[in-house]
Amino acid sequence: MHPEDIKQLILAGMVCEHLDLDGDGQHFLATIVSQEFAGKSRVQRQQRVYQTLKEKLATGELHALSFKTLTPEEWSAQRG
């Protein structure tokens, strides 16, 4: 899969204030910033992202995605 395809799937499934995704066609790394993550545990945040990609994961089209999930406040604090 192309990184832009994955990005569009995530954006279609949830509201993101920021989404950065890079990859080589096999392995992908994303930074996802969404207000939806507020008050959620790390596992709940991951589950929310996986929910947007479940079809591609189930078919094996996507299998190596690492990501960091942040709220807008966490993103702002991290950027300094």
N, C-alpha and C. Protein backbone atom coordinates (compact mmCIF):
# COMPACT_ATOMS: atom_id res chain seq x y z
N MET A 1 0.83 -1.19 0.00
CA MET A 1 0.00 0.00 0.00
C MET A 1 0.87 1.24 0.00
N HIS A 2 0.34 2.28 -0.56
CA HIS A 2 1.02 3.57 -0.60
C HIS A 2 0.65 4.34 0.67
N PRO A 3 1.59 5.08 1.26
CA PRO A 3 1.29 5.84 2.49
C PRO A 3 0.06 6.75 2.35
N GLU A 4 -0.12 7.36 1.21
CA GLU A 4 -1.27 8.25 1.01
C GLU A 4 -2.59 7.49 1.11
N ASP A 5 -2.62 6.24 0.66
CA ASP A 5 -3.83 5.42 0.75
C ASP A 5 -4.20 5.16 2.21
N ILE A 6 -3.20 4.84 3.02
CA ILE A 6 -3.43 4.59 4.44
C ILE A 6 -3.90 5.87 5.12
N LYS A 7 -3.26 6.96 4.78
CA LYS A 7 -3.63 8.25 5.34
C LYS A 7 -5.10 8.57 5.05
N GLN A 8 -5.52 8.34 3.83
CA GLN A 8 -6.91 8.61 3.46
C GLN A 8 -7.89 7.71 4.21
N LEU A 9 -7.52 6.48 4.44
CA LEU A 9 -8.38 5.57 5.22
C LEU A 9 -8.55 6.06 6.65
N ILE A 10 -7.47 6.50 7.26
CA ILE A 10 -7.54 7.01 8.63
C ILE A 10 -8.39 8.28 8.66
N LEU A 11 -8.15 9.19 7.72
CA LEU A 11 -8.91 10.45 7.68
C LEU A 11 -10.39 10.23 7.41
N ALA A 12 -10.72 9.19 6.65
CA ALA A 12 -12.12 8.88 6.37
C ALA A 12 -12.82 8.30 7.59
N GLY A 13 -12.03 7.71 8.50
CA GLY A 13 -12.61 7.04 9.64
C GLY A 13 -12.63 7.82 10.93
N MET A 14 -11.88 8.92 10.98
CA MET A 14 -11.84 9.71 12.21
C MET A 14 -11.36 11.13 11.92
N VAL A 15 -11.70 12.04 12.81
CA VAL A 15 -11.28 13.43 12.67
C VAL A 15 -9.87 13.57 13.25
N CYS A 16 -8.97 14.08 12.43
CA CYS A 16 -7.58 14.27 12.86
C CYS A 16 -7.20 15.74 12.71
N GLU A 17 -6.57 16.27 13.73
CA GLU A 17 -6.03 17.62 13.64
C GLU A 17 -4.70 17.62 12.89
N HIS A 18 -4.00 16.49 12.97
CA HIS A 18 -2.72 16.34 12.28
C HIS A 18 -2.51 14.85 12.01
N LEU A 19 -2.01 14.55 10.83
CA LEU A 19 -1.70 13.17 10.49
C LEU A 19 -0.48 13.17 9.58
N ASP A 20 0.56 12.54 10.05
CA ASP A 20 1.79 12.40 9.27
C ASP A 20 2.05 10.92 9.12
N LEU A 21 2.28 10.47 7.89
CA LEU A 21 2.49 9.05 7.66
C LEU A 21 3.58 8.87 6.61
N ASP A 22 4.56 8.07 6.94
CA ASP A 22 5.64 7.72 6.02
C ASP A 22 5.76 6.21 5.95
N GLY A 23 6.28 5.74 4.84
CA GLY A 23 6.49 4.31 4.72
C GLY A 23 7.18 3.96 3.43
N ASP A 24 7.61 2.71 3.36
CA ASP A 24 8.34 2.23 2.19
C ASP A 24 7.53 1.23 1.37
N GLY A 25 6.23 1.15 1.64
CA GLY A 25 5.40 0.17 0.94
C GLY A 25 5.20 -1.10 1.73
N GLN A 26 6.06 -1.33 2.70
CA GLN A 26 5.98 -2.51 3.57
C GLN A 26 5.77 -2.12 5.02
N HIS A 27 6.53 -1.14 5.49
CA HIS A 27 6.48 -0.69 6.88
C HIS A 27 6.10 0.78 6.90
N PHE A 28 5.24 1.13 7.84
CA PHE A 28 4.72 2.49 7.91
C PHE A 28 4.79 3.02 9.34
N LEU A 29 4.99 4.33 9.44
CA LEU A 29 5.04 5.00 10.72
C LEU A 29 4.14 6.23 10.64
N ALA A 30 3.21 6.36 11.59
CA ALA A 30 2.26 7.47 11.58
C ALA A 30 2.27 8.20 12.92
N THR A 31 2.05 9.50 12.84
CA THR A 31 1.77 10.33 14.01
C THR A 31 0.35 10.84 13.80
N ILE A 32 -0.53 10.50 14.72
CA ILE A 32 -1.95 10.83 14.58
C ILE A 32 -2.36 11.69 15.77
N VAL A 33 -2.87 12.88 15.47
CA VAL A 33 -3.31 13.81 16.50
C VAL A 33 -4.82 13.99 16.34
N SER A 34 -5.56 13.64 17.40
CA SER A 34 -7.01 13.73 17.35
C SER A 34 -7.58 14.01 18.73
N GLN A 35 -8.59 14.84 18.77
CA GLN A 35 -9.30 15.10 20.01
C GLN A 35 -10.02 13.85 20.50
N GLU A 36 -10.28 12.92 19.58
CA GLU A 36 -10.93 11.65 19.94
C GLU A 36 -10.13 10.86 20.97
N PHE A 37 -8.84 11.14 21.08
CA PHE A 37 -7.98 10.40 22.01
C PHE A 37 -8.05 10.92 23.44
N ALA A 38 -8.67 12.05 23.64
CA ALA A 38 -8.75 12.64 24.99
C ALA A 38 -9.44 11.68 25.95
N GLY A 39 -8.81 11.45 27.08
CA GLY A 39 -9.36 10.58 28.11
C GLY A 39 -9.28 9.10 27.81
N LYS A 40 -8.60 8.73 26.72
CA LYS A 40 -8.48 7.32 26.33
C LYS A 40 -7.10 6.78 26.69
N SER A 41 -7.06 5.51 27.04
CA SER A 41 -5.78 4.86 27.31
C SER A 41 -5.04 4.63 25.99
N ARG A 42 -3.79 4.27 26.09
CA ARG A 42 -3.00 3.99 24.89
C ARG A 42 -3.63 2.86 24.07
N VAL A 43 -4.10 1.84 24.74
CA VAL A 43 -4.73 0.71 24.05
C VAL A 43 -6.02 1.15 23.36
N GLN A 44 -6.82 1.95 24.02
CA GLN A 44 -8.06 2.45 23.41
C GLN A 44 -7.77 3.31 22.19
N ARG A 45 -6.72 4.09 22.26
CA ARG A 45 -6.32 4.93 21.13
C ARG A 45 -5.92 4.04 19.95
N GLN A 46 -5.13 3.02 20.22
CA GLN A 46 -4.70 2.10 19.16
C GLN A 46 -5.90 1.38 18.55
N GLN A 47 -6.81 0.96 19.40
CA GLN A 47 -8.01 0.29 18.91
C GLN A 47 -8.81 1.19 17.98
N ARG A 48 -8.86 2.47 18.31
CA ARG A 48 -9.60 3.43 17.49
C ARG A 48 -8.96 3.56 16.10
N VAL A 49 -7.65 3.63 16.06
CA VAL A 49 -6.97 3.72 14.76
C VAL A 49 -7.15 2.42 13.98
N TYR A 50 -6.96 1.29 14.63
CA TYR A 50 -7.13 0.00 13.95
C TYR A 50 -8.54 -0.16 13.39
N GLN A 51 -9.51 0.43 14.07
CA GLN A 51 -10.90 0.38 13.60
C GLN A 51 -11.01 0.99 12.20
N THR A 52 -10.26 2.05 11.93
CA THR A 52 -10.33 2.70 10.63
C THR A 52 -9.65 1.89 9.53
N LEU A 53 -8.81 0.94 9.93
CA LEU A 53 -8.02 0.16 8.97
C LEU A 53 -8.36 -1.32 8.96
N LYS A 54 -9.42 -1.70 9.67
CA LYS A 54 -9.69 -3.12 9.90
C LYS A 54 -9.82 -3.94 8.62
N GLU A 55 -10.41 -3.38 7.58
CA GLU A 55 -10.58 -4.14 6.33
C GLU A 55 -9.22 -4.45 5.69
N LYS A 56 -8.35 -3.46 5.64
CA LYS A 56 -7.03 -3.66 5.02
C LYS A 56 -6.16 -4.58 5.87
N LEU A 57 -6.31 -4.52 7.18
CA LEU A 57 -5.57 -5.42 8.06
C LEU A 57 -6.07 -6.86 7.91
N ALA A 58 -7.39 -7.02 7.79
CA ALA A 58 -7.98 -8.35 7.68
C ALA A 58 -7.57 -9.05 6.38
N THR A 59 -7.43 -8.28 5.32
CA THR A 59 -7.06 -8.88 4.03
C THR A 59 -5.55 -9.06 3.87
N GLY A 60 -4.79 -8.50 4.81
CA GLY A 60 -3.34 -8.61 4.73
C GLY A 60 -2.68 -7.56 3.86
N GLU A 61 -3.47 -6.64 3.30
CA GLU A 61 -2.89 -5.57 2.48
C GLU A 61 -2.00 -4.66 3.31
N LEU A 62 -2.33 -4.53 4.58
CA LEU A 62 -1.57 -3.71 5.50
C LEU A 62 -1.21 -4.57 6.70
N HIS A 63 0.07 -4.62 7.02
CA HIS A 63 0.45 -5.49 8.13
C HIS A 63 1.52 -4.90 9.04
N ALA A 64 2.19 -3.85 8.63
CA ALA A 64 3.27 -3.30 9.47
C ALA A 64 3.08 -1.79 9.63
N LEU A 65 2.28 -1.43 10.63
CA LEU A 65 2.02 -0.02 10.90
C LEU A 65 2.34 0.27 12.36
N SER A 66 3.24 1.21 12.56
CA SER A 66 3.55 1.71 13.90
C SER A 66 3.01 3.12 13.96
N PHE A 67 2.49 3.50 15.11
CA PHE A 67 1.99 4.87 15.20
C PHE A 67 2.04 5.41 16.61
N LYS A 68 2.05 6.74 16.65
CA LYS A 68 2.01 7.48 17.89
C LYS A 68 0.68 8.23 17.88
N THR A 69 -0.08 8.13 18.97
CA THR A 69 -1.37 8.80 19.06
C THR A 69 -1.30 9.88 20.13
N LEU A 70 -1.73 11.08 19.76
CA LEU A 70 -1.66 12.22 20.67
C LEU A 70 -2.94 13.05 20.59
N THR A 71 -3.29 13.68 21.70
CA THR A 71 -4.35 14.68 21.67
C THR A 71 -3.72 15.98 21.16
N PRO A 72 -4.53 16.95 20.73
CA PRO A 72 -3.95 18.23 20.30
C PRO A 72 -3.10 18.89 21.39
N GLU A 73 -3.51 18.75 22.64
CA GLU A 73 -2.76 19.33 23.76
C GLU A 73 -1.41 18.63 23.92
N GLU A 74 -1.40 17.32 23.83
CA GLU A 74 -0.15 16.57 23.91
C GLU A 74 0.79 16.91 22.73
N TRP A 75 0.22 17.06 21.57
CA TRP A 75 0.97 17.41 20.37
C TRP A 75 1.62 18.79 20.54
N SER A 76 0.83 19.73 21.03
CA SER A 76 1.33 21.08 21.24
C SER A 76 2.47 21.10 22.27
N ALA A 77 2.30 20.38 23.37
CA ALA A 77 3.33 20.32 24.41
C ALA A 77 4.60 19.64 23.89
N GLN A 78 4.45 18.63 23.09
CA GLN A 78 5.60 17.90 22.55
C GLN A 78 6.40 18.76 21.58
N ARG A 79 5.71 19.61 20.85
CA ARG A 79 6.39 20.46 19.86
C ARG A 79 7.07 21.65 20.52
N GLY A 80 6.74 21.88 21.81
CA GLY A 80 7.43 22.88 22.59
C GLY A 80 6.95 24.25 22.43
